[in-house]
Amino acid sequence: MFAGDSITDREKSNNAPLGYGYVNLFYNLMLAKHPETKITVINSGIGGNTVIDLIDRWDDDVLSYKPNWISILIGINDLHKFLGGLTTFNPENYYENLRRLLKYTRKVLNNVNFILMTPFYISRNKLEGGFRAKVLELLPQYIEKVRLLSNEFSATYIDLHDTFKKLVNIREPNVYAPEPVHPNFTGHMVIALKLLEVLEI
């Protein structure tokens, strides 16, 4: 079960049921590399979602399927809303809401496995006072919350921001995304391969 925002969703309404992004790519990589593995993949991403939005739809869209594994990629919309002046989306509330979601899930599905992927921002732009610089300055606080929760809930932790940061030190950011939030095909392939690599280990 893949839960998240538009990055996970990736136009699944136009390419049902998995969309065009990393969820679809991961599934096909699994079929190609590990055909012996019986796996059902569900894409529960919805564009624009924050952690609060996930909480509101969690029972219907996630828990009702009784998944063995739940991957969560959420946070960039929380960060944007916080920078836009909505203080309830600050890093601490992001942490508390995500923790509440994980605790509730473990209560309902005791043996579920979590994969927590960090929000990311595919940009080098650190122009002082600019919006992108503010995002890059604030993002590590949200990433740290995901790391802490991964430790607490024994989740598989994937730092996607670090993954992309290393890549954009070699190639231009637009190789992986037309703008910093939404990856292109290559960017989605990066996520799918990283996910597969970590799970194979």
N, C-alpha and C. Protein backbone atom coordinates (compact mmCIF):
# COMPACT_ATOMS: atom_id res chain seq x y z
N MET A 1 0.84 -1.18 0.00
CA MET A 1 0.00 0.00 0.00
C MET A 1 0.88 1.25 0.00
N PHE A 2 0.73 2.08 -1.03
CA PHE A 2 1.48 3.33 -1.11
C PHE A 2 0.55 4.49 -0.82
N ALA A 3 0.83 5.24 0.22
CA ALA A 3 0.01 6.38 0.62
C ALA A 3 0.84 7.65 0.50
N GLY A 4 0.17 8.73 0.10
CA GLY A 4 0.90 9.99 -0.02
C GLY A 4 0.11 11.03 -0.77
N ASP A 5 0.84 11.97 -1.36
CA ASP A 5 0.23 13.11 -2.06
C ASP A 5 0.37 12.93 -3.57
N SER A 6 0.50 14.02 -4.30
CA SER A 6 0.52 13.95 -5.77
C SER A 6 1.73 13.19 -6.31
N ILE A 7 2.82 13.15 -5.56
CA ILE A 7 4.00 12.43 -6.03
C ILE A 7 3.68 10.94 -6.11
N THR A 8 2.95 10.44 -5.14
CA THR A 8 2.52 9.04 -5.15
C THR A 8 1.38 8.84 -6.14
N ASP A 9 0.42 9.74 -6.12
CA ASP A 9 -0.75 9.67 -7.00
C ASP A 9 -0.33 9.57 -8.47
N ARG A 10 0.42 10.52 -8.92
CA ARG A 10 0.99 10.62 -10.28
C ARG A 10 -0.02 10.21 -11.35
N GLU A 11 -1.16 10.93 -11.32
CA GLU A 11 -2.18 10.79 -12.38
C GLU A 11 -2.77 9.39 -12.46
N LYS A 12 -3.02 8.78 -11.32
CA LYS A 12 -3.61 7.43 -11.38
C LYS A 12 -5.02 7.44 -11.94
N SER A 13 -5.69 8.61 -11.92
CA SER A 13 -7.02 8.70 -12.53
C SER A 13 -6.94 8.55 -14.05
N ASN A 14 -5.79 8.89 -14.63
CA ASN A 14 -5.59 8.75 -16.08
C ASN A 14 -4.90 7.45 -16.46
N ASN A 15 -4.30 6.80 -15.47
CA ASN A 15 -3.62 5.53 -15.73
C ASN A 15 -3.87 4.59 -14.55
N ALA A 16 -5.13 4.25 -14.38
CA ALA A 16 -5.54 3.42 -13.24
C ALA A 16 -4.95 2.01 -13.36
N PRO A 17 -4.67 1.37 -12.22
CA PRO A 17 -4.85 1.89 -10.85
C PRO A 17 -3.56 2.43 -10.22
N LEU A 18 -2.43 2.38 -10.92
CA LEU A 18 -1.15 2.68 -10.27
C LEU A 18 -0.54 4.02 -10.64
N GLY A 19 -1.10 4.70 -11.65
CA GLY A 19 -0.53 5.96 -12.07
C GLY A 19 0.68 5.78 -12.97
N TYR A 20 1.37 6.90 -13.22
CA TYR A 20 2.53 6.88 -14.12
C TYR A 20 3.87 6.93 -13.38
N GLY A 21 3.84 6.99 -12.05
CA GLY A 21 5.05 7.28 -11.30
C GLY A 21 5.73 6.10 -10.66
N TYR A 22 6.38 6.38 -9.53
CA TYR A 22 7.24 5.39 -8.88
C TYR A 22 6.48 4.15 -8.41
N VAL A 23 5.21 4.28 -8.10
CA VAL A 23 4.43 3.11 -7.66
C VAL A 23 4.35 2.10 -8.80
N ASN A 24 4.00 2.58 -9.98
CA ASN A 24 3.92 1.72 -11.16
C ASN A 24 5.30 1.15 -11.52
N LEU A 25 6.30 1.98 -11.47
CA LEU A 25 7.65 1.54 -11.81
C LEU A 25 8.15 0.48 -10.82
N PHE A 26 7.89 0.70 -9.55
CA PHE A 26 8.30 -0.27 -8.53
C PHE A 26 7.63 -1.62 -8.78
N TYR A 27 6.35 -1.59 -9.05
CA TYR A 27 5.62 -2.83 -9.29
C TYR A 27 6.20 -3.59 -10.48
N ASN A 28 6.50 -2.89 -11.55
CA ASN A 28 7.04 -3.54 -12.74
C ASN A 28 8.48 -4.00 -12.53
N LEU A 29 9.25 -3.28 -11.75
CA LEU A 29 10.60 -3.74 -11.41
C LEU A 29 10.54 -5.02 -10.59
N MET A 30 9.56 -5.10 -9.68
CA MET A 30 9.39 -6.32 -8.90
C MET A 30 9.05 -7.50 -9.80
N LEU A 31 8.15 -7.28 -10.75
CA LEU A 31 7.78 -8.35 -11.67
C LEU A 31 8.97 -8.79 -12.52
N ALA A 32 9.81 -7.84 -12.87
CA ALA A 32 10.97 -8.15 -13.72
C ALA A 32 12.09 -8.84 -12.94
N LYS A 33 12.37 -8.37 -11.72
CA LYS A 33 13.51 -8.88 -10.97
C LYS A 33 13.15 -10.02 -10.02
N HIS A 34 11.92 -10.00 -9.53
CA HIS A 34 11.52 -11.00 -8.54
C HIS A 34 10.17 -11.62 -8.90
N PRO A 35 10.10 -12.31 -10.03
CA PRO A 35 8.82 -12.86 -10.49
C PRO A 35 8.21 -13.88 -9.53
N GLU A 36 9.05 -14.44 -8.66
CA GLU A 36 8.55 -15.43 -7.70
C GLU A 36 7.77 -14.80 -6.55
N THR A 37 7.91 -13.49 -6.38
CA THR A 37 7.25 -12.80 -5.27
C THR A 37 5.81 -12.50 -5.62
N LYS A 38 4.89 -13.00 -4.79
CA LYS A 38 3.48 -12.70 -4.99
C LYS A 38 3.20 -11.36 -4.31
N ILE A 39 2.87 -10.36 -5.12
CA ILE A 39 2.70 -9.01 -4.58
C ILE A 39 1.51 -8.32 -5.23
N THR A 40 0.71 -7.70 -4.40
CA THR A 40 -0.37 -6.83 -4.88
C THR A 40 0.00 -5.40 -4.46
N VAL A 41 -0.02 -4.48 -5.40
CA VAL A 41 0.35 -3.10 -5.12
C VAL A 41 -0.88 -2.21 -5.29
N ILE A 42 -1.10 -1.34 -4.30
CA ILE A 42 -2.23 -0.41 -4.34
C ILE A 42 -1.69 1.00 -4.18
N ASN A 43 -2.15 1.90 -5.03
CA ASN A 43 -1.76 3.31 -4.97
C ASN A 43 -2.89 4.11 -4.31
N SER A 44 -2.60 4.62 -3.11
CA SER A 44 -3.58 5.41 -2.38
C SER A 44 -3.17 6.87 -2.26
N GLY A 45 -2.34 7.33 -3.19
CA GLY A 45 -1.93 8.73 -3.17
C GLY A 45 -3.02 9.65 -3.69
N ILE A 46 -3.12 10.84 -3.12
CA ILE A 46 -4.05 11.86 -3.60
C ILE A 46 -3.33 13.21 -3.60
N GLY A 47 -3.36 13.89 -4.74
CA GLY A 47 -2.69 15.17 -4.88
C GLY A 47 -3.14 16.18 -3.86
N GLY A 48 -2.16 16.94 -3.33
CA GLY A 48 -2.45 18.01 -2.38
C GLY A 48 -2.53 17.58 -0.94
N ASN A 49 -2.42 16.29 -0.68
CA ASN A 49 -2.60 15.79 0.69
C ASN A 49 -1.50 16.24 1.64
N THR A 50 -1.92 16.45 2.89
CA THR A 50 -1.03 16.64 4.03
C THR A 50 -1.23 15.44 4.96
N VAL A 51 -0.51 15.40 6.06
CA VAL A 51 -0.71 14.32 7.03
C VAL A 51 -2.15 14.31 7.54
N ILE A 52 -2.70 15.48 7.77
CA ILE A 52 -4.08 15.57 8.27
C ILE A 52 -5.05 14.96 7.27
N ASP A 53 -4.80 15.18 5.99
CA ASP A 53 -5.66 14.58 4.95
C ASP A 53 -5.56 13.06 4.99
N LEU A 54 -4.36 12.54 5.21
CA LEU A 54 -4.20 11.09 5.32
C LEU A 54 -5.02 10.55 6.49
N ILE A 55 -4.94 11.22 7.62
CA ILE A 55 -5.70 10.79 8.79
C ILE A 55 -7.19 10.72 8.47
N ASP A 56 -7.69 11.73 7.78
CA ASP A 56 -9.13 11.81 7.48
C ASP A 56 -9.64 10.66 6.62
N ARG A 57 -8.77 10.09 5.80
CA ARG A 57 -9.23 9.04 4.87
C ARG A 57 -8.57 7.68 5.10
N TRP A 58 -7.82 7.57 6.19
CA TRP A 58 -6.98 6.40 6.43
C TRP A 58 -7.76 5.09 6.51
N ASP A 59 -8.86 5.07 7.26
CA ASP A 59 -9.63 3.83 7.43
C ASP A 59 -10.12 3.29 6.10
N ASP A 60 -10.71 4.16 5.29
CA ASP A 60 -11.29 3.72 4.02
C ASP A 60 -10.23 3.40 2.98
N ASP A 61 -9.26 4.28 2.85
CA ASP A 61 -8.33 4.20 1.72
C ASP A 61 -7.11 3.31 1.98
N VAL A 62 -6.85 2.99 3.24
CA VAL A 62 -5.66 2.21 3.56
C VAL A 62 -5.99 0.98 4.41
N LEU A 63 -6.50 1.18 5.61
CA LEU A 63 -6.67 0.07 6.54
C LEU A 63 -7.70 -0.95 6.08
N SER A 64 -8.69 -0.52 5.34
CA SER A 64 -9.73 -1.46 4.89
C SER A 64 -9.17 -2.57 4.01
N TYR A 65 -7.98 -2.33 3.40
CA TYR A 65 -7.35 -3.34 2.54
C TYR A 65 -6.50 -4.33 3.35
N LYS A 66 -6.32 -4.05 4.65
CA LYS A 66 -5.49 -4.89 5.51
C LYS A 66 -4.11 -5.19 4.90
N PRO A 67 -3.38 -4.16 4.55
CA PRO A 67 -2.08 -4.38 3.90
C PRO A 67 -1.04 -4.95 4.85
N ASN A 68 -0.09 -5.70 4.28
CA ASN A 68 1.06 -6.21 5.04
C ASN A 68 2.16 -5.14 5.15
N TRP A 69 2.26 -4.31 4.11
CA TRP A 69 3.25 -3.24 4.06
C TRP A 69 2.55 -1.93 3.72
N ILE A 70 2.93 -0.86 4.40
CA ILE A 70 2.41 0.47 4.09
C ILE A 70 3.59 1.42 3.92
N SER A 71 3.67 2.02 2.73
CA SER A 71 4.69 3.03 2.45
C SER A 71 4.03 4.41 2.52
N ILE A 72 4.68 5.34 3.23
CA ILE A 72 4.14 6.70 3.36
C ILE A 72 5.18 7.69 2.88
N LEU A 73 4.78 8.51 1.93
CA LEU A 73 5.59 9.63 1.44
C LEU A 73 4.72 10.88 1.53
N ILE A 74 4.95 11.69 2.55
CA ILE A 74 4.10 12.85 2.80
C ILE A 74 4.93 13.94 3.49
N GLY A 75 4.57 15.19 3.27
CA GLY A 75 5.22 16.26 4.01
C GLY A 75 5.51 17.54 3.25
N ILE A 76 5.70 17.46 1.95
CA ILE A 76 6.06 18.69 1.23
C ILE A 76 4.90 19.68 1.22
N ASN A 77 3.66 19.18 1.21
CA ASN A 77 2.51 20.09 1.27
C ASN A 77 2.36 20.70 2.66
N ASP A 78 2.68 19.91 3.70
CA ASP A 78 2.68 20.46 5.07
C ASP A 78 3.67 21.62 5.15
N LEU A 79 4.87 21.39 4.62
CA LEU A 79 5.91 22.42 4.65
C LEU A 79 5.47 23.67 3.89
N HIS A 80 4.91 23.50 2.70
CA HIS A 80 4.47 24.64 1.90
C HIS A 80 3.39 25.44 2.62
N LYS A 81 2.45 24.72 3.25
CA LYS A 81 1.38 25.42 3.98
C LYS A 81 1.94 26.19 5.17
N PHE A 82 2.93 25.60 5.84
CA PHE A 82 3.56 26.29 6.96
C PHE A 82 4.26 27.56 6.49
N LEU A 83 5.01 27.47 5.40
CA LEU A 83 5.68 28.66 4.86
C LEU A 83 4.66 29.69 4.38
N GLY A 84 3.47 29.21 4.00
CA GLY A 84 2.41 30.12 3.57
C GLY A 84 1.67 30.78 4.71
N GLY A 85 2.06 30.47 5.95
CA GLY A 85 1.47 31.15 7.10
C GLY A 85 0.52 30.31 7.93
N LEU A 86 0.28 29.05 7.54
CA LEU A 86 -0.61 28.17 8.31
C LEU A 86 0.22 27.45 9.35
N THR A 87 0.27 28.00 10.55
CA THR A 87 1.20 27.52 11.58
C THR A 87 0.87 26.11 12.08
N THR A 88 -0.36 25.65 11.88
CA THR A 88 -0.70 24.29 12.34
C THR A 88 0.05 23.22 11.56
N PHE A 89 0.70 23.60 10.46
CA PHE A 89 1.45 22.63 9.66
C PHE A 89 2.95 22.68 9.97
N ASN A 90 3.30 23.18 11.12
CA ASN A 90 4.71 23.27 11.51
C ASN A 90 5.31 21.88 11.72
N PRO A 91 6.63 21.78 11.77
CA PRO A 91 7.28 20.45 11.88
C PRO A 91 6.82 19.63 13.08
N GLU A 92 6.59 20.29 14.21
CA GLU A 92 6.18 19.54 15.41
C GLU A 92 4.80 18.92 15.25
N ASN A 93 3.88 19.67 14.67
CA ASN A 93 2.54 19.12 14.43
C ASN A 93 2.58 18.02 13.36
N TYR A 94 3.43 18.22 12.37
CA TYR A 94 3.64 17.18 11.36
C TYR A 94 4.07 15.88 12.04
N TYR A 95 5.01 16.00 12.96
CA TYR A 95 5.50 14.84 13.71
C TYR A 95 4.40 14.20 14.54
N GLU A 96 3.67 15.00 15.29
CA GLU A 96 2.64 14.48 16.17
C GLU A 96 1.52 13.80 15.39
N ASN A 97 1.10 14.41 14.28
CA ASN A 97 0.03 13.82 13.47
C ASN A 97 0.46 12.52 12.80
N LEU A 98 1.68 12.50 12.29
CA LEU A 98 2.17 11.28 11.65
C LEU A 98 2.37 10.19 12.70
N ARG A 99 2.83 10.56 13.86
CA ARG A 99 3.00 9.57 14.94
C ARG A 99 1.65 9.00 15.36
N ARG A 100 0.65 9.85 15.46
CA ARG A 100 -0.69 9.38 15.82
C ARG A 100 -1.22 8.41 14.77
N LEU A 101 -0.95 8.70 13.51
CA LEU A 101 -1.39 7.83 12.43
C LEU A 101 -0.71 6.45 12.51
N LEU A 102 0.58 6.46 12.78
CA LEU A 102 1.33 5.21 12.85
C LEU A 102 0.91 4.39 14.07
N LYS A 103 0.70 5.05 15.20
CA LYS A 103 0.25 4.34 16.41
C LYS A 103 -1.11 3.70 16.18
N TYR A 104 -2.01 4.45 15.58
CA TYR A 104 -3.35 3.92 15.31
C TYR A 104 -3.28 2.73 14.37
N THR A 105 -2.45 2.84 13.35
CA THR A 105 -2.31 1.76 12.37
C THR A 105 -1.80 0.49 13.03
N ARG A 106 -0.78 0.61 13.89
CA ARG A 106 -0.23 -0.55 14.59
C ARG A 106 -1.26 -1.17 15.53
N LYS A 107 -2.14 -0.35 16.06
CA LYS A 107 -3.19 -0.87 16.94
C LYS A 107 -4.17 -1.73 16.15
N VAL A 108 -4.48 -1.29 14.93
CA VAL A 108 -5.45 -2.00 14.08
C VAL A 108 -4.79 -3.18 13.37
N LEU A 109 -3.58 -2.95 12.85
CA LEU A 109 -2.83 -3.99 12.12
C LEU A 109 -1.51 -4.21 12.85
N ASN A 110 -1.52 -5.09 13.79
CA ASN A 110 -0.40 -5.26 14.71
C ASN A 110 0.92 -5.60 14.02
N ASN A 111 0.86 -6.39 12.96
CA ASN A 111 2.09 -6.87 12.31
C ASN A 111 2.45 -6.14 11.02
N VAL A 112 1.83 -5.00 10.79
CA VAL A 112 2.09 -4.27 9.55
C VAL A 112 3.53 -3.75 9.53
N ASN A 113 4.13 -3.75 8.36
CA ASN A 113 5.47 -3.19 8.14
C ASN A 113 5.34 -1.80 7.54
N PHE A 114 6.10 -0.85 8.07
CA PHE A 114 6.08 0.52 7.56
C PHE A 114 7.33 0.81 6.73
N ILE A 115 7.13 1.57 5.66
CA ILE A 115 8.21 2.19 4.91
C ILE A 115 7.96 3.69 4.99
N LEU A 116 8.87 4.43 5.58
CA LEU A 116 8.71 5.88 5.68
C LEU A 116 9.76 6.56 4.81
N MET A 117 9.28 7.26 3.80
CA MET A 117 10.16 7.98 2.88
C MET A 117 10.07 9.48 3.17
N THR A 118 11.19 10.13 3.15
CA THR A 118 11.22 11.55 3.52
C THR A 118 10.70 12.43 2.38
N PRO A 119 10.09 13.56 2.74
CA PRO A 119 9.82 14.55 1.69
C PRO A 119 11.15 15.03 1.10
N PHE A 120 11.10 15.56 -0.11
CA PHE A 120 12.32 16.00 -0.79
C PHE A 120 12.03 17.24 -1.60
N TYR A 121 13.10 17.88 -2.06
CA TYR A 121 12.98 19.10 -2.87
C TYR A 121 14.15 19.09 -3.83
N ILE A 122 13.85 18.96 -5.13
CA ILE A 122 14.89 18.76 -6.13
C ILE A 122 15.36 20.12 -6.65
N SER A 123 16.25 20.74 -5.89
CA SER A 123 16.71 22.09 -6.23
C SER A 123 18.07 22.35 -5.59
N ARG A 124 18.86 23.18 -6.26
CA ARG A 124 20.11 23.68 -5.68
C ARG A 124 19.94 25.12 -5.21
N ASN A 125 18.82 25.73 -5.54
CA ASN A 125 18.63 27.17 -5.38
C ASN A 125 18.67 27.59 -3.91
N LYS A 126 19.69 28.36 -3.58
CA LYS A 126 19.81 28.86 -2.20
C LYS A 126 19.92 30.38 -2.18
N LEU A 127 19.32 31.02 -3.17
CA LEU A 127 19.33 32.48 -3.24
C LEU A 127 18.71 33.04 -1.97
N GLU A 128 19.46 33.84 -1.26
CA GLU A 128 19.02 34.33 0.05
C GLU A 128 17.68 35.05 -0.05
N GLY A 129 16.75 34.63 0.81
CA GLY A 129 15.43 35.27 0.84
C GLY A 129 14.44 34.68 -0.14
N GLY A 130 14.89 33.84 -1.04
CA GLY A 130 14.00 33.25 -2.02
C GLY A 130 13.19 32.10 -1.43
N PHE A 131 12.07 31.79 -2.07
CA PHE A 131 11.18 30.74 -1.56
C PHE A 131 11.89 29.39 -1.54
N ARG A 132 12.60 29.07 -2.60
CA ARG A 132 13.27 27.76 -2.66
C ARG A 132 14.33 27.64 -1.56
N ALA A 133 15.02 28.73 -1.28
CA ALA A 133 16.00 28.71 -0.20
C ALA A 133 15.32 28.45 1.14
N LYS A 134 14.15 29.02 1.33
CA LYS A 134 13.41 28.82 2.58
C LYS A 134 12.97 27.36 2.72
N VAL A 135 12.54 26.77 1.61
CA VAL A 135 12.13 25.36 1.64
C VAL A 135 13.33 24.49 2.01
N LEU A 136 14.46 24.72 1.35
CA LEU A 136 15.66 23.91 1.61
C LEU A 136 16.18 24.09 3.03
N GLU A 137 15.96 25.26 3.60
CA GLU A 137 16.39 25.51 4.97
C GLU A 137 15.48 24.81 5.98
N LEU A 138 14.19 24.76 5.70
CA LEU A 138 13.21 24.20 6.63
C LEU A 138 13.06 22.68 6.49
N LEU A 139 13.27 22.17 5.30
CA LEU A 139 13.01 20.75 5.02
C LEU A 139 13.71 19.78 5.98
N PRO A 140 14.97 20.02 6.38
CA PRO A 140 15.62 19.07 7.28
C PRO A 140 14.85 18.82 8.59
N GLN A 141 14.07 19.79 9.04
CA GLN A 141 13.29 19.58 10.26
C GLN A 141 12.21 18.52 10.04
N TYR A 142 11.57 18.53 8.88
CA TYR A 142 10.56 17.53 8.55
C TYR A 142 11.22 16.16 8.33
N ILE A 143 12.37 16.17 7.69
CA ILE A 143 13.10 14.92 7.46
C ILE A 143 13.49 14.27 8.78
N GLU A 144 13.94 15.08 9.73
CA GLU A 144 14.34 14.56 11.03
C GLU A 144 13.16 13.89 11.75
N LYS A 145 11.97 14.44 11.58
CA LYS A 145 10.78 13.84 12.20
C LYS A 145 10.51 12.45 11.62
N VAL A 146 10.69 12.30 10.32
CA VAL A 146 10.50 11.00 9.68
C VAL A 146 11.54 10.01 10.19
N ARG A 147 12.76 10.47 10.36
CA ARG A 147 13.82 9.58 10.87
C ARG A 147 13.50 9.11 12.29
N LEU A 148 13.06 10.02 13.14
CA LEU A 148 12.72 9.67 14.51
C LEU A 148 11.57 8.66 14.56
N LEU A 149 10.56 8.87 13.74
CA LEU A 149 9.42 7.96 13.71
C LEU A 149 9.82 6.60 13.14
N SER A 150 10.72 6.61 12.19
CA SER A 150 11.20 5.34 11.63
C SER A 150 11.87 4.50 12.72
N ASN A 151 12.65 5.16 13.56
CA ASN A 151 13.29 4.46 14.67
C ASN A 151 12.26 3.95 15.67
N GLU A 152 11.31 4.79 16.01
CA GLU A 152 10.31 4.41 17.02
C GLU A 152 9.45 3.23 16.57
N PHE A 153 9.10 3.22 15.29
CA PHE A 153 8.17 2.20 14.80
C PHE A 153 8.87 1.10 14.00
N SER A 154 10.20 1.05 14.10
CA SER A 154 10.99 0.02 13.40
C SER A 154 10.63 -0.03 11.91
N ALA A 155 10.51 1.14 11.32
CA ALA A 155 10.14 1.25 9.91
C ALA A 155 11.38 1.22 9.02
N THR A 156 11.18 0.82 7.78
CA THR A 156 12.22 0.97 6.76
C THR A 156 12.29 2.45 6.42
N TYR A 157 13.45 3.06 6.56
CA TYR A 157 13.63 4.51 6.39
C TYR A 157 14.37 4.78 5.08
N ILE A 158 13.80 5.67 4.27
CA ILE A 158 14.44 6.03 3.00
C ILE A 158 14.51 7.55 2.90
N ASP A 159 15.72 8.08 2.90
CA ASP A 159 15.93 9.52 2.80
C ASP A 159 16.02 9.92 1.34
N LEU A 160 14.87 10.25 0.76
CA LEU A 160 14.84 10.61 -0.66
C LEU A 160 15.48 11.96 -0.93
N HIS A 161 15.42 12.86 0.04
CA HIS A 161 16.04 14.17 -0.18
C HIS A 161 17.55 14.02 -0.34
N ASP A 162 18.15 13.18 0.50
CA ASP A 162 19.58 12.93 0.38
C ASP A 162 19.91 12.26 -0.95
N THR A 163 19.05 11.35 -1.38
CA THR A 163 19.26 10.67 -2.66
C THR A 163 19.28 11.67 -3.81
N PHE A 164 18.29 12.57 -3.84
CA PHE A 164 18.24 13.55 -4.93
C PHE A 164 19.33 14.60 -4.79
N LYS A 165 19.68 14.95 -3.56
CA LYS A 165 20.73 15.96 -3.35
C LYS A 165 22.05 15.49 -3.97
N LYS A 166 22.36 14.21 -3.80
CA LYS A 166 23.58 13.67 -4.39
C LYS A 166 23.52 13.70 -5.92
N LEU A 167 22.36 13.42 -6.47
CA LEU A 167 22.22 13.40 -7.93
C LEU A 167 22.35 14.80 -8.53
N VAL A 168 21.74 15.81 -7.86
CA VAL A 168 21.78 17.16 -8.45
C VAL A 168 23.13 17.83 -8.22
N ASN A 169 24.01 17.19 -7.48
CA ASN A 169 25.39 17.66 -7.42
C ASN A 169 26.17 17.21 -8.66
N ILE A 170 25.59 16.26 -9.39
CA ILE A 170 26.23 15.73 -10.60
C ILE A 170 25.53 16.24 -11.86
N ARG A 171 24.20 16.18 -11.86
CA ARG A 171 23.41 16.62 -13.01
C ARG A 171 22.49 17.75 -12.59
N GLU A 172 22.02 18.51 -13.58
CA GLU A 172 21.11 19.62 -13.30
C GLU A 172 19.80 19.09 -12.72
N PRO A 173 19.17 19.85 -11.80
CA PRO A 173 17.91 19.40 -11.20
C PRO A 173 16.83 19.06 -12.22
N ASN A 174 16.80 19.79 -13.36
CA ASN A 174 15.72 19.55 -14.33
C ASN A 174 15.88 18.22 -15.08
N VAL A 175 16.98 17.52 -14.84
CA VAL A 175 17.12 16.15 -15.35
C VAL A 175 16.13 15.24 -14.63
N TYR A 176 15.82 15.58 -13.38
CA TYR A 176 14.98 14.73 -12.54
C TYR A 176 13.59 15.31 -12.26
N ALA A 177 13.41 16.60 -12.51
CA ALA A 177 12.11 17.22 -12.24
C ALA A 177 12.01 18.55 -12.96
N PRO A 178 10.82 18.88 -13.53
CA PRO A 178 10.65 20.17 -14.19
C PRO A 178 10.57 21.32 -13.19
N GLU A 179 10.19 21.02 -11.97
CA GLU A 179 10.20 21.95 -10.84
C GLU A 179 10.49 21.11 -9.59
N PRO A 180 10.84 21.72 -8.46
CA PRO A 180 11.43 20.96 -7.37
C PRO A 180 10.56 19.90 -6.70
N VAL A 181 9.24 19.99 -6.83
CA VAL A 181 8.36 19.09 -6.07
C VAL A 181 8.02 17.81 -6.82
N HIS A 182 7.71 17.93 -8.11
CA HIS A 182 7.16 16.79 -8.85
C HIS A 182 8.19 16.21 -9.82
N PRO A 183 8.69 15.02 -9.54
CA PRO A 183 9.68 14.41 -10.43
C PRO A 183 9.10 14.08 -11.80
N ASN A 184 9.99 14.05 -12.80
CA ASN A 184 9.61 13.54 -14.11
C ASN A 184 9.81 12.02 -14.10
N PHE A 185 9.78 11.39 -15.28
CA PHE A 185 9.92 9.94 -15.35
C PHE A 185 11.23 9.48 -14.71
N THR A 186 12.32 10.18 -15.03
CA THR A 186 13.62 9.81 -14.48
C THR A 186 13.62 9.94 -12.96
N GLY A 187 13.04 11.01 -12.45
CA GLY A 187 12.95 11.20 -11.00
C GLY A 187 12.15 10.11 -10.32
N HIS A 188 11.05 9.72 -10.94
CA HIS A 188 10.24 8.64 -10.38
C HIS A 188 11.01 7.31 -10.43
N MET A 189 11.80 7.13 -11.47
CA MET A 189 12.63 5.93 -11.55
C MET A 189 13.65 5.90 -10.42
N VAL A 190 14.19 7.05 -10.07
CA VAL A 190 15.11 7.14 -8.94
C VAL A 190 14.44 6.63 -7.66
N ILE A 191 13.21 7.07 -7.42
CA ILE A 191 12.49 6.65 -6.20
C ILE A 191 12.23 5.15 -6.23
N ALA A 192 11.74 4.65 -7.36
CA ALA A 192 11.41 3.23 -7.48
C ALA A 192 12.65 2.36 -7.27
N LEU A 193 13.77 2.75 -7.88
CA LEU A 193 15.01 1.97 -7.74
C LEU A 193 15.54 2.02 -6.31
N LYS A 194 15.45 3.19 -5.69
CA LYS A 194 15.91 3.31 -4.30
C LYS A 194 15.07 2.44 -3.39
N LEU A 195 13.77 2.46 -3.60
CA LEU A 195 12.88 1.64 -2.80
C LEU A 195 13.19 0.16 -2.97
N LEU A 196 13.37 -0.27 -4.20
CA LEU A 196 13.68 -1.67 -4.47
C LEU A 196 15.03 -2.04 -3.86
N GLU A 197 16.01 -1.18 -4.01
CA GLU A 197 17.35 -1.43 -3.47
C GLU A 197 17.31 -1.62 -1.96
N VAL A 198 16.60 -0.75 -1.26
CA VAL A 198 16.52 -0.84 0.19
C VAL A 198 15.79 -2.10 0.64
N LEU A 199 14.70 -2.43 -0.03
CA LEU A 199 13.95 -3.62 0.35
C LEU A 199 14.72 -4.90 0.03
N GLU A 200 15.50 -4.89 -1.04
CA GLU A 200 16.33 -6.06 -1.36
C GLU A 200 17.39 -6.29 -0.29
N ILE A 201 17.94 -5.21 0.23
CA ILE A 201 18.94 -5.33 1.31
C ILE A 201 18.30 -5.93 2.55
